[in-house]
Amino acid sequence: MTLYSWFVFFLAVQIIHFIGTWKLYQAAGRKSWEAAIPVYNSIVLMKIIKRPTWWTLLLFIPIINLIMFPVVWVETLRTFGKKSTLDTILGIFTLGFYIYYVNYTQKLAYNADRKLTPENKTADTVSSLLFAIIVATLVHTYVIQPYTIPTSSLEKSLLIGDFLFVSKLNYGPRVPMTTVALPMVHDSIPLTKKKSYLSWPQLPYFRLPAFEKIKRNDIVVFNWPVDTVHYFYEPKGKPGVIKPIDKKSNYVKRCVGVPGDSLSIKDGFVFINGKKLVLPERAKPQYSYSVALDGKTSIDFESLFKELDITDPAGFRTEKRDTLYFRALTEAGAERLKNTPGVTAVKREIDNGNDNAIFPHINKWSQDNFGPIYIPEAGKTVALTNESLPFYKEIITNYEGNTLELKGSKFLINGKETNTYTFKQNYYWMMGDNRHNSEDSRYWGYVPENHIVGKPVFIWMSWDTNGKGINKIRWNRVFTTVDGEGQPQSYFKYFLIILALYFVGEFFWKKRKQNKA
């Protein structure tokens, strides 16, 4: 929806509210016109039902308001004497329109001194539960969100089975664009094959102020731009579901290119503005290697692989009796193999072919030799040519919502002839450290700013499933930070010490209070 559409929708809601409640306002000793003034009518209503004024704010926060509206409907009905279970059910399941019936057909008795505390245990439990859901949804949507690492694209930095906290504050909390959705779930209802949201209506993209900008080498969680989820809750043969931006699948990669950069990849190494990208100490990029064996020397591969700390489930394969192929091995691991008796050669595998799967899908580059390309920056203008169009077509049409036509050698954007395009938002280039086992920007291109979710900051649990039926906790990764200088350090023992001190302190505090009593 456009801003104009939302304005019309907002006015329509205000009119619906006024028509259905103006008599209630009068019965409460207020003026009928007060029910017609946007925002002010909500503040007055809070006074009528004897609830805090700050509840008004919750009515305008996407997702949160879906919980608050039923609460306000029920509170309004109870304020005017409709307290039965049937009244509550009718108020909720008619989406508040039961208030119309009360407003026009019932004798209105305003109970200004009604008891606000729940009259029974069930009502008290429901009230507490709703409050807990509201607080949790606020935190989940605008502050911090749990996330699980599902793939090995960032192995060494982040492992499969790492449970993260992703901060929304660092890059600025994104206001949900999908306004009708279940709280605290992503695109589907747990344990079902049902979508958890309605695709309409959609809010325009808006992000609250950020603590920092995305920097090169930051690990970032974002919505996968090309996620159309073929066969998502549909029979095979039907087109995939086109998800709203904030309901697209969550991906986590390392940002190697920021707006305005010129990026290229040479023999698997990333270059930014002509200089080789220097990765932080914690990043350990992995590449594919072929390892030649002499076929005579006995090698303890189990001990060797343990020493090399091979964590990618893809591991290695053998196609020739005297050759091993490692899909994910660090440069340090390759050097260690070179010094292993029985190993005659270690060669890094480099893809020099032309692959149509590689962005921008014109059989030009490979995953190891790519570019240079320009990373679009908001406000910058580029020339449109037949050669540049494959790079920017998706941005112009899909990410920035324009129409694009090509008539001969002329470009028409939104019906107007032009040979340039000015970007409306920033874009980023995301890649996995596991260079040959990562589906990233090399395959689907730029990540728009409005797809950014947040920054992983903390690993609170790490669960190793290792594929052999043996599950265990990686204690050395529990309570470690994702960013920072040097190697990761677990703060779990400090957490246990603080927790123990808390319980000891609470014990002595209670004992002291008992002695005073």
Protein backbone atom coordinates (compact mmCIF):
# COMPACT_ATOMS: atom_id res chain seq x y z
CA MET A 1 0.00 0.00 0.00
CA THR A 2 1.13 3.54 -0.75
CA LEU A 3 1.15 6.31 1.85
CA TYR A 4 -1.99 7.73 0.23
CA SER A 5 -3.71 4.34 0.47
CA TRP A 6 -2.77 4.09 4.13
CA PHE A 7 -4.09 7.59 4.78
CA VAL A 8 -7.44 6.65 3.22
CA PHE A 9 -7.48 3.39 5.21
CA PHE A 10 -6.67 5.25 8.45
CA LEU A 11 -9.51 7.75 7.85
CA ALA A 12 -11.90 4.89 7.11
CA VAL A 13 -11.04 3.25 10.45
CA GLN A 14 -11.68 6.56 12.24
CA ILE A 15 -15.08 6.91 10.57
CA ILE A 16 -15.99 3.33 11.50
CA HIS A 17 -14.95 4.04 15.10
CA PHE A 18 -16.97 7.26 15.26
CA ILE A 19 -20.17 5.73 13.85
CA GLY A 20 -20.03 2.83 16.27
CA THR A 21 -19.10 4.63 19.50
CA TRP A 22 -20.31 8.24 19.57
CA LYS A 23 -23.25 7.39 21.83
CA LEU A 24 -20.89 5.61 24.23
CA TYR A 25 -18.79 8.77 24.48
CA GLN A 26 -21.96 10.76 25.28
CA ALA A 27 -23.06 8.24 27.91
CA ALA A 28 -19.65 8.63 29.59
CA GLY A 29 -20.12 12.39 29.80
CA ARG A 30 -17.92 13.27 26.84
CA LYS A 31 -18.78 15.11 23.63
CA SER A 32 -19.81 12.99 20.63
CA TRP A 33 -17.35 14.82 18.34
CA GLU A 34 -14.45 13.53 20.49
CA ALA A 35 -15.05 10.08 18.98
CA ALA A 36 -14.22 11.47 15.53
CA ILE A 37 -10.79 13.06 16.12
CA PRO A 38 -7.96 10.65 15.15
CA VAL A 39 -5.60 9.67 18.01
CA TYR A 40 -7.39 12.04 20.40
CA ASN A 41 -10.42 9.71 20.33
CA SER A 42 -8.18 6.85 21.52
CA ILE A 43 -6.81 8.95 24.38
CA VAL A 44 -10.35 9.87 25.45
CA LEU A 45 -11.47 6.25 25.17
CA MET A 46 -8.65 5.19 27.52
CA LYS A 47 -9.97 7.70 30.06
CA ILE A 48 -13.51 6.34 29.62
CA ILE A 49 -12.49 2.73 30.22
CA LYS A 50 -10.09 3.82 33.01
CA ARG A 51 -6.98 2.43 31.35
CA PRO A 52 -3.52 4.09 31.07
CA THR A 53 -3.14 6.73 28.36
CA TRP A 54 0.02 5.01 27.08
CA TRP A 55 -2.18 2.16 25.85
CA THR A 56 -2.98 4.53 22.96
CA LEU A 57 0.57 4.09 21.69
CA LEU A 58 0.17 0.30 21.59
CA LEU A 59 -2.86 0.69 19.32
CA PHE A 60 -0.62 2.15 16.60
CA ILE A 61 2.26 -0.34 16.75
CA PRO A 62 1.92 -3.01 14.02
CA ILE A 63 1.35 -6.56 15.30
CA ILE A 64 0.99 -5.29 18.89
CA ASN A 65 -2.25 -3.56 17.91
CA LEU A 66 -3.70 -6.90 16.80
CA ILE A 67 -3.55 -7.96 20.46
CA MET A 68 -4.63 -4.60 21.84
CA PHE A 69 -7.77 -4.10 19.74
CA PRO A 70 -9.64 -7.12 21.22
CA VAL A 71 -8.54 -6.03 24.71
CA VAL A 72 -9.98 -2.53 24.16
CA TRP A 73 -13.22 -3.94 22.66
CA VAL A 74 -13.79 -6.13 25.72
CA GLU A 75 -12.85 -3.33 28.15
CA THR A 76 -15.29 -0.98 26.40
CA LEU A 77 -18.13 -3.50 26.61
CA ARG A 78 -17.47 -4.15 30.30
CA THR A 79 -17.40 -0.43 31.03
CA PHE A 80 -20.98 -0.22 29.74
CA GLY A 81 -22.24 -3.27 31.64
CA LYS A 82 -21.66 -6.02 29.07
CA LYS A 83 -19.66 -8.41 31.26
CA SER A 84 -20.96 -11.85 30.36
CA THR A 85 -18.90 -14.50 28.57
CA LEU A 86 -21.26 -14.22 25.59
CA ASP A 87 -20.64 -10.45 25.40
CA THR A 88 -16.89 -11.07 25.39
CA ILE A 89 -17.15 -13.72 22.66
CA LEU A 90 -19.39 -11.51 20.50
CA GLY A 91 -17.09 -8.53 20.96
CA ILE A 92 -14.02 -10.46 19.78
CA PHE A 93 -15.50 -12.64 17.02
CA THR A 94 -17.41 -9.76 15.39
CA LEU A 95 -14.13 -7.81 15.28
CA GLY A 96 -15.60 -5.19 17.59
CA PHE A 97 -18.78 -4.61 15.57
CA TYR A 98 -20.86 -5.96 18.47
CA ILE A 99 -20.19 -2.52 19.97
CA TYR A 100 -22.38 -1.09 17.17
CA TYR A 101 -25.29 -3.21 18.45
CA VAL A 102 -24.72 -2.00 22.00
CA ASN A 103 -24.28 1.61 20.84
CA TYR A 104 -27.62 1.78 19.01
CA THR A 105 -29.95 -0.76 20.64
CA GLN A 106 -29.06 -0.97 24.33
CA LYS A 107 -29.71 1.33 27.24
CA LEU A 108 -26.23 2.70 27.94
CA ALA A 109 -25.22 2.67 31.58
CA TYR A 110 -21.71 3.99 32.08
CA ASN A 111 -19.96 2.37 35.04
CA ALA A 112 -17.29 4.90 35.94
CA ASP A 113 -16.31 3.09 39.14
CA ARG A 114 -16.13 -0.47 37.82
CA LYS A 115 -13.54 -2.77 39.37
CA LEU A 116 -10.52 -3.02 37.06
CA THR A 117 -8.91 -6.07 38.60
CA PRO A 118 -10.10 -9.45 37.21
CA GLU A 119 -12.95 -11.01 39.17
CA ASN A 120 -11.80 -14.61 38.77
CA LYS A 121 -8.61 -16.61 38.41
CA THR A 122 -9.14 -17.42 34.71
CA ALA A 123 -9.57 -13.76 33.78
CA ASP A 124 -6.48 -12.88 35.81
CA THR A 125 -4.46 -15.56 34.00
CA VAL A 126 -5.63 -14.38 30.57
CA SER A 127 -4.82 -10.77 31.48
CA SER A 128 -1.31 -11.71 32.62
CA LEU A 129 -0.77 -13.85 29.52
CA LEU A 130 -1.82 -11.05 27.17
CA PHE A 131 0.52 -8.62 28.90
CA ALA A 132 3.39 -11.12 28.63
CA ILE A 133 2.68 -11.63 24.91
CA ILE A 134 2.63 -7.88 24.30
CA VAL A 135 5.97 -7.33 26.06
CA ALA A 136 7.59 -10.35 24.35
CA THR A 137 6.33 -9.23 20.92
CA LEU A 138 7.68 -5.72 21.46
CA VAL A 139 11.10 -7.10 22.38
CA HIS A 140 11.06 -9.65 19.53
CA THR A 141 10.00 -7.10 16.91
CA TYR A 142 11.99 -4.02 17.90
CA VAL A 143 14.85 -5.03 20.21
CA ILE A 144 16.26 -8.56 19.93
CA GLN A 145 15.25 -11.77 18.16
CA PRO A 146 16.44 -15.38 18.58
CA TYR A 147 17.86 -17.06 15.50
CA THR A 148 19.30 -20.50 14.71
CA ILE A 149 22.13 -21.15 12.24
CA PRO A 150 20.78 -23.70 9.72
CA THR A 151 23.66 -23.95 7.19
CA SER A 152 27.44 -24.09 7.08
CA SER A 153 28.01 -20.97 4.95
CA LEU A 154 29.73 -19.16 7.86
CA GLU A 155 31.49 -22.18 9.37
CA LYS A 156 34.20 -21.36 11.90
CA SER A 157 32.56 -18.01 12.70
CA LEU A 158 29.05 -19.48 13.13
CA LEU A 159 28.34 -23.21 13.25
CA ILE A 160 25.24 -25.20 12.43
CA GLY A 161 23.34 -25.45 15.71
CA ASP A 162 24.41 -22.08 17.08
CA PHE A 163 21.52 -20.25 18.74
CA LEU A 164 21.93 -16.48 18.42
CA PHE A 165 20.43 -13.29 19.69
CA VAL A 166 20.07 -10.87 16.78
CA SER A 167 19.98 -7.19 17.73
CA LYS A 168 17.44 -5.02 15.90
CA LEU A 169 18.83 -1.86 17.55
CA ASN A 170 22.27 -1.82 15.92
CA TYR A 171 21.02 -1.17 12.37
CA GLY A 172 17.72 0.36 13.48
CA PRO A 173 14.49 -1.56 14.25
CA ARG A 174 12.43 -2.09 11.10
CA VAL A 175 8.72 -1.42 11.58
CA PRO A 176 6.82 -4.53 10.38
CA MET A 177 5.51 -4.08 6.86
CA THR A 178 3.15 -7.03 7.23
CA THR A 179 0.50 -5.65 9.57
CA VAL A 180 -1.66 -8.74 10.12
CA ALA A 181 0.39 -11.64 11.48
CA LEU A 182 0.71 -13.89 14.49
CA PRO A 183 3.15 -12.45 17.05
CA MET A 184 6.63 -13.93 17.52
CA VAL A 185 6.53 -16.36 14.58
CA HIS A 186 7.97 -15.84 11.14
CA ASP A 187 6.24 -17.08 7.99
CA SER A 188 4.35 -20.14 9.23
CA ILE A 189 2.40 -21.35 12.23
CA PRO A 190 4.55 -23.85 14.20
CA LEU A 191 3.74 -27.54 13.61
CA THR A 192 1.39 -26.68 10.75
CA LYS A 193 1.61 -25.93 7.07
CA LYS A 194 -0.30 -22.69 7.36
CA LYS A 195 0.94 -19.18 6.70
CA SER A 196 1.13 -17.03 9.82
CA TYR A 197 0.25 -13.77 8.08
CA LEU A 198 -1.98 -11.99 5.59
CA SER A 199 -0.19 -10.42 2.63
CA TRP A 200 -2.51 -7.39 2.73
CA PRO A 201 -2.42 -4.68 3.94
CA GLN A 202 1.28 -3.74 3.81
CA LEU A 203 2.92 -0.73 5.47
CA PRO A 204 5.59 1.26 3.57
CA TYR A 205 9.18 0.53 4.64
CA PHE A 206 10.30 2.51 7.67
CA ARG A 207 13.26 2.02 9.99
CA LEU A 208 13.83 3.63 13.40
CA PRO A 209 17.18 5.35 14.13
CA ALA A 210 20.21 3.04 14.25
CA PHE A 211 23.21 2.80 16.59
CA GLU A 212 25.57 2.11 13.68
CA LYS A 213 25.79 1.61 9.92
CA ILE A 214 26.51 -1.75 8.33
CA LYS A 215 30.28 -2.02 7.90
CA ARG A 216 32.38 -4.29 5.74
CA ASN A 217 32.91 -7.68 7.41
CA ASP A 218 29.83 -7.31 9.65
CA ILE A 219 27.81 -10.50 9.97
CA VAL A 220 24.23 -9.57 9.07
CA VAL A 221 20.81 -11.25 9.22
CA PHE A 222 18.55 -10.28 6.32
CA ASN A 223 15.51 -11.44 4.38
CA TRP A 224 16.52 -13.49 1.35
CA PRO A 225 15.68 -11.16 -1.57
CA VAL A 226 14.76 -13.84 -4.14
CA ASP A 227 12.65 -15.97 -1.81
CA THR A 228 9.51 -16.98 -3.71
CA VAL A 229 9.30 -20.37 -1.96
CA HIS A 230 8.13 -22.66 -4.72
CA TYR A 231 5.70 -25.29 -3.45
CA PHE A 232 5.37 -23.37 -0.17
CA TYR A 233 2.09 -24.84 1.13
CA GLU A 234 1.06 -25.52 -2.48
CA PRO A 235 0.87 -28.63 -4.68
CA LYS A 236 3.70 -29.11 -7.16
CA GLY A 237 3.10 -27.48 -10.51
CA LYS A 238 1.67 -24.27 -9.08
CA PRO A 239 3.73 -21.05 -8.91
CA GLY A 240 5.60 -20.29 -5.73
CA VAL A 241 4.31 -17.92 -3.08
CA ILE A 242 5.60 -14.36 -3.38
CA LYS A 243 6.22 -13.39 0.24
CA PRO A 244 6.12 -9.89 1.74
CA ILE A 245 9.62 -8.52 2.38
CA ASP A 246 9.59 -9.06 6.16
CA LYS A 247 8.24 -12.61 5.78
CA LYS A 248 10.93 -13.80 3.38
CA SER A 249 13.30 -16.45 4.75
CA ASN A 250 16.00 -15.19 7.11
CA TYR A 251 19.59 -15.58 5.90
CA VAL A 252 22.86 -14.78 7.67
CA LYS A 253 26.04 -13.87 5.77
CA ARG A 254 29.05 -11.58 6.01
CA CYS A 255 28.72 -8.16 4.38
CA VAL A 256 31.78 -7.81 2.12
CA GLY A 257 30.54 -4.88 0.03
CA VAL A 258 28.80 -1.69 1.21
CA PRO A 259 27.05 1.02 -0.86
CA GLY A 260 29.41 2.77 -3.26
CA ASP A 261 32.01 -0.04 -3.34
CA SER A 262 33.46 -1.57 -6.48
CA LEU A 263 33.70 -5.32 -5.81
CA SER A 264 35.50 -8.08 -7.64
CA ILE A 265 36.54 -11.66 -6.86
CA LYS A 266 39.86 -12.98 -8.15
CA ASP A 267 40.69 -16.66 -7.70
CA GLY A 268 38.27 -16.78 -4.76
CA PHE A 269 39.59 -13.69 -2.94
CA VAL A 270 37.40 -10.59 -2.56
CA PHE A 271 38.75 -7.22 -3.67
CA ILE A 272 37.11 -3.92 -2.72
CA ASN A 273 37.99 -0.81 -4.73
CA GLY A 274 41.02 -2.66 -6.09
CA LYS A 275 42.36 -3.78 -2.68
CA LYS A 276 42.15 -7.28 -1.21
CA LEU A 277 39.56 -7.44 1.56
CA VAL A 278 41.19 -8.02 4.95
CA LEU A 279 38.94 -10.22 7.09
CA PRO A 280 38.85 -10.03 10.92
CA GLU A 281 40.81 -12.53 12.97
CA ARG A 282 37.68 -14.52 13.85
CA ALA A 283 36.80 -15.06 10.18
CA LYS A 284 38.38 -18.17 8.70
CA PRO A 285 37.41 -18.43 5.03
CA GLN A 286 37.31 -21.93 3.61
CA TYR A 287 37.92 -23.13 0.07
CA SER A 288 37.88 -26.39 -1.87
CA TYR A 289 41.14 -28.31 -2.14
CA SER A 290 42.34 -31.44 -3.89
CA VAL A 291 44.90 -33.45 -1.93
CA ALA A 292 47.12 -35.92 -3.76
CA LEU A 293 48.37 -39.01 -1.84
CA ASP A 294 51.38 -41.21 -2.60
CA GLY A 295 49.24 -44.31 -2.07
CA LYS A 296 51.89 -45.97 0.06
CA THR A 297 52.04 -44.12 3.36
CA SER A 298 49.41 -44.99 5.99
CA ILE A 299 47.62 -41.86 7.26
CA ASP A 300 45.47 -41.67 10.38
CA PHE A 301 42.69 -39.66 8.71
CA GLU A 302 40.38 -39.70 11.75
CA SER A 303 42.97 -37.97 13.93
CA LEU A 304 44.01 -35.68 11.08
CA PHE A 305 40.47 -34.48 10.40
CA LYS A 306 39.94 -33.89 14.11
CA GLU A 307 43.13 -31.82 14.23
CA LEU A 308 42.03 -29.84 11.15
CA ASP A 309 38.70 -29.15 12.90
CA ILE A 310 36.61 -29.91 9.82
CA THR A 311 33.13 -28.80 10.86
CA ASP A 312 31.35 -28.55 7.51
CA PRO A 313 29.07 -31.60 7.11
CA ALA A 314 30.03 -31.62 3.39
CA GLY A 315 33.47 -32.75 4.59
CA PHE A 316 35.44 -34.47 1.87
CA ARG A 317 34.99 -36.99 -0.92
CA THR A 318 37.15 -39.34 -2.94
CA GLU A 319 36.85 -39.66 -6.72
CA LYS A 320 40.25 -41.18 -7.33
CA ARG A 321 42.04 -43.72 -5.18
CA ASP A 322 45.02 -41.41 -4.66
CA THR A 323 43.14 -38.08 -4.32
CA LEU A 324 40.94 -36.51 -1.63
CA TYR A 325 38.69 -33.54 -2.36
CA PHE A 326 37.95 -31.20 0.54
CA ARG A 327 34.99 -28.93 0.00
CA ALA A 328 35.69 -26.70 3.00
CA LEU A 329 39.21 -26.26 4.32
CA THR A 330 40.94 -23.22 5.78
CA GLU A 331 44.26 -21.99 4.40
CA ALA A 332 45.89 -22.99 7.70
CA GLY A 333 44.42 -26.48 7.31
CA ALA A 334 45.80 -26.71 3.78
CA GLU A 335 49.28 -25.78 5.04
CA ARG A 336 49.00 -28.48 7.71
CA LEU A 337 48.14 -31.08 5.05
CA LYS A 338 51.16 -30.10 2.96
CA ASN A 339 53.40 -31.14 5.86
CA THR A 340 51.66 -34.50 6.36
CA PRO A 341 53.71 -37.59 5.39
CA GLY A 342 52.02 -39.36 2.48
CA VAL A 343 50.58 -36.15 1.00
CA THR A 344 52.33 -35.21 -2.25
CA ALA A 345 50.37 -32.10 -3.26
CA VAL A 346 47.65 -29.76 -1.98
CA LYS A 347 45.92 -27.62 -4.60
CA ARG A 348 43.19 -25.03 -4.09
CA GLU A 349 40.37 -25.63 -6.55
CA ILE A 350 39.43 -22.50 -8.52
CA ASP A 351 36.33 -22.19 -10.68
CA ASN A 352 37.30 -20.48 -13.94
CA GLY A 353 34.19 -21.35 -15.93
CA ASN A 354 31.32 -19.16 -17.06
CA ASP A 355 28.24 -20.08 -15.04
CA ASN A 356 24.77 -18.77 -15.89
CA ALA A 357 23.76 -19.40 -12.25
CA ILE A 358 26.13 -16.59 -11.23
CA PHE A 359 24.67 -13.07 -11.01
CA PRO A 360 23.66 -11.36 -13.28
CA HIS A 361 23.04 -14.66 -15.11
CA ILE A 362 24.64 -13.83 -18.45
CA ASN A 363 27.28 -16.62 -18.61
CA LYS A 364 30.00 -14.13 -17.81
CA TRP A 365 31.61 -15.04 -14.48
CA SER A 366 32.15 -17.85 -11.96
CA GLN A 367 31.95 -18.11 -8.18
CA ASP A 368 35.73 -17.58 -7.91
CA ASN A 369 36.28 -14.99 -10.65
CA PHE A 370 33.73 -12.25 -10.70
CA GLY A 371 33.32 -8.53 -11.39
CA PRO A 372 34.10 -5.78 -10.95
CA ILE A 373 30.59 -4.57 -10.14
CA TYR A 374 29.25 -1.44 -8.49
CA ILE A 375 27.31 -1.76 -5.19
CA PRO A 376 24.41 0.74 -5.53
CA GLU A 377 24.18 3.66 -3.11
CA ALA A 378 21.02 5.66 -2.38
CA GLY A 379 20.93 8.89 -4.37
CA LYS A 380 23.61 7.84 -6.87
CA THR A 381 22.83 7.74 -10.58
CA VAL A 382 24.03 5.15 -13.11
CA ALA A 383 23.82 5.00 -16.89
CA LEU A 384 21.35 2.55 -18.39
CA THR A 385 22.68 0.53 -21.29
CA ASN A 386 22.04 -2.93 -22.67
CA GLU A 387 25.19 -4.02 -20.83
CA SER A 388 24.27 -2.49 -17.44
CA LEU A 389 20.56 -3.45 -17.48
CA PRO A 390 21.03 -7.06 -16.21
CA PHE A 391 22.69 -5.65 -13.06
CA TYR A 392 19.95 -3.15 -12.22
CA LYS A 393 16.74 -4.55 -13.73
CA GLU A 394 15.67 -6.30 -10.50
CA ILE A 395 16.42 -3.16 -8.48
CA ILE A 396 14.39 -0.90 -10.78
CA THR A 397 11.34 -3.17 -11.06
CA ASN A 398 11.14 -5.40 -7.99
CA TYR A 399 13.06 -3.71 -5.17
CA GLU A 400 12.08 -0.12 -6.01
CA GLY A 401 8.67 -0.66 -7.59
CA ASN A 402 8.99 0.93 -11.03
CA THR A 403 7.79 -0.22 -14.43
CA LEU A 404 10.51 -0.79 -17.02
CA GLU A 405 10.13 -1.12 -20.78
CA LEU A 406 12.73 -1.50 -23.50
CA LYS A 407 11.70 -0.14 -26.88
CA GLY A 408 14.51 -0.62 -29.33
CA SER A 409 17.45 1.21 -27.78
CA LYS A 410 15.25 3.35 -25.52
CA PHE A 411 14.48 2.73 -21.84
CA LEU A 412 11.11 3.75 -20.40
CA ILE A 413 10.77 3.91 -16.60
CA ASN A 414 7.22 4.54 -15.42
CA GLY A 415 6.39 5.48 -19.03
CA LYS A 416 9.11 8.16 -19.31
CA GLU A 417 12.12 7.83 -21.59
CA THR A 418 15.48 7.92 -19.78
CA ASN A 419 19.05 6.67 -20.08
CA THR A 420 19.90 6.90 -16.35
CA TYR A 421 18.55 5.62 -13.05
CA THR A 422 18.89 7.05 -9.52
CA PHE A 423 18.77 4.54 -6.66
CA LYS A 424 16.21 5.07 -3.90
CA GLN A 425 17.93 2.95 -1.22
CA ASN A 426 21.28 1.40 -0.31
CA TYR A 427 22.35 -2.10 -1.31
CA TYR A 428 24.84 -4.59 0.13
CA TRP A 429 26.85 -7.59 -1.06
CA MET A 430 26.63 -10.61 1.26
CA MET A 431 28.84 -13.70 1.12
CA GLY A 432 29.56 -16.77 3.21
CA ASP A 433 33.05 -17.51 4.52
CA ASN A 434 32.61 -21.07 3.25
CA ARG A 435 33.26 -19.96 -0.31
CA HIS A 436 32.27 -23.16 -2.15
CA ASN A 437 29.35 -24.07 0.09
CA SER A 438 27.36 -20.85 0.33
CA GLU A 439 24.40 -19.59 -1.67
CA ASP A 440 24.97 -15.86 -1.47
CA SER A 441 25.06 -12.61 -3.46
CA ARG A 442 27.19 -14.26 -6.14
CA TYR A 443 24.06 -16.18 -7.13
CA TRP A 444 21.23 -13.69 -6.58
CA GLY A 445 22.84 -10.26 -6.39
CA TYR A 446 22.33 -7.27 -4.15
CA VAL A 447 20.58 -7.17 -0.76
CA PRO A 448 18.35 -4.06 -0.45
CA GLU A 449 18.47 -2.02 2.75
CA ASN A 450 14.77 -2.69 3.43
CA HIS A 451 15.61 -6.43 3.67
CA ILE A 452 18.06 -5.95 6.59
CA VAL A 453 16.85 -7.61 9.81
CA GLY A 454 19.64 -7.10 12.34
CA LYS A 455 23.09 -7.91 13.67
CA PRO A 456 23.97 -11.19 15.47
CA VAL A 457 25.57 -10.22 18.76
CA PHE A 458 25.53 -13.22 21.09
CA ILE A 459 25.56 -17.04 21.01
CA TRP A 460 23.52 -18.22 23.98
CA MET A 461 23.56 -21.94 23.10
CA SER A 462 25.39 -24.17 20.62
CA TRP A 463 24.12 -27.65 19.83
CA ASP A 464 26.35 -30.08 17.90
CA THR A 465 24.36 -32.71 16.00
CA ASN A 466 27.40 -33.89 13.94
CA GLY A 467 25.23 -36.20 11.79
CA LYS A 468 26.26 -39.36 13.67
CA GLY A 469 23.33 -39.54 16.07
CA ILE A 470 25.41 -38.03 18.89
CA ASN A 471 24.11 -34.68 20.12
CA LYS A 472 26.05 -32.56 22.57
CA ILE A 473 26.43 -28.97 23.76
CA ARG A 474 29.48 -27.06 22.55
CA TRP A 475 30.27 -25.56 25.94
CA ASN A 476 33.15 -23.45 24.58
CA ARG A 477 30.65 -21.54 22.38
CA VAL A 478 27.92 -20.95 24.99
CA PHE A 479 27.64 -17.26 25.93
CA THR A 480 30.19 -16.06 23.37
CA THR A 481 30.02 -12.85 21.37
CA VAL A 482 29.79 -12.94 17.57
CA ASP A 483 31.91 -9.82 16.97
CA GLY A 484 35.00 -8.59 18.74
CA GLU A 485 38.77 -8.65 18.68
CA GLY A 486 40.73 -11.88 19.06
CA GLN A 487 39.25 -15.35 19.35
CA PRO A 488 35.78 -15.95 20.84
CA GLN A 489 35.65 -16.31 24.61
CA SER A 490 32.82 -17.92 26.55
CA TYR A 491 31.30 -15.84 29.33
CA PHE A 492 29.20 -18.73 30.63
CA LYS A 493 31.24 -19.21 33.82
CA TYR A 494 30.83 -15.53 34.67
CA PHE A 495 27.08 -15.88 34.15
CA LEU A 496 27.01 -18.85 36.55
CA ILE A 497 28.99 -16.89 39.15
CA ILE A 498 26.59 -13.92 38.92
CA LEU A 499 23.60 -16.27 39.11
CA ALA A 500 25.02 -17.97 42.20
CA LEU A 501 25.70 -14.61 43.86
CA TYR A 502 22.12 -13.54 43.10
CA PHE A 503 20.59 -16.60 44.78
CA VAL A 504 22.93 -16.35 47.76
CA GLY A 505 22.15 -12.64 48.11
CA GLU A 506 18.41 -13.28 47.84
CA PHE A 507 18.63 -16.00 50.53
CA PHE A 508 20.37 -13.69 53.02
CA TRP A 509 18.06 -10.77 52.15
CA LYS A 510 14.95 -12.83 52.92
CA LYS A 511 16.55 -14.14 56.11
CA ARG A 512 17.37 -10.61 57.22
CA LYS A 513 13.77 -9.46 56.58
CA GLN A 514 12.44 -12.42 58.58
CA ASN A 515 14.73 -11.58 61.50
CA LYS A 516 13.54 -7.96 61.48
CA ALA A 517 9.94 -9.11 61.45
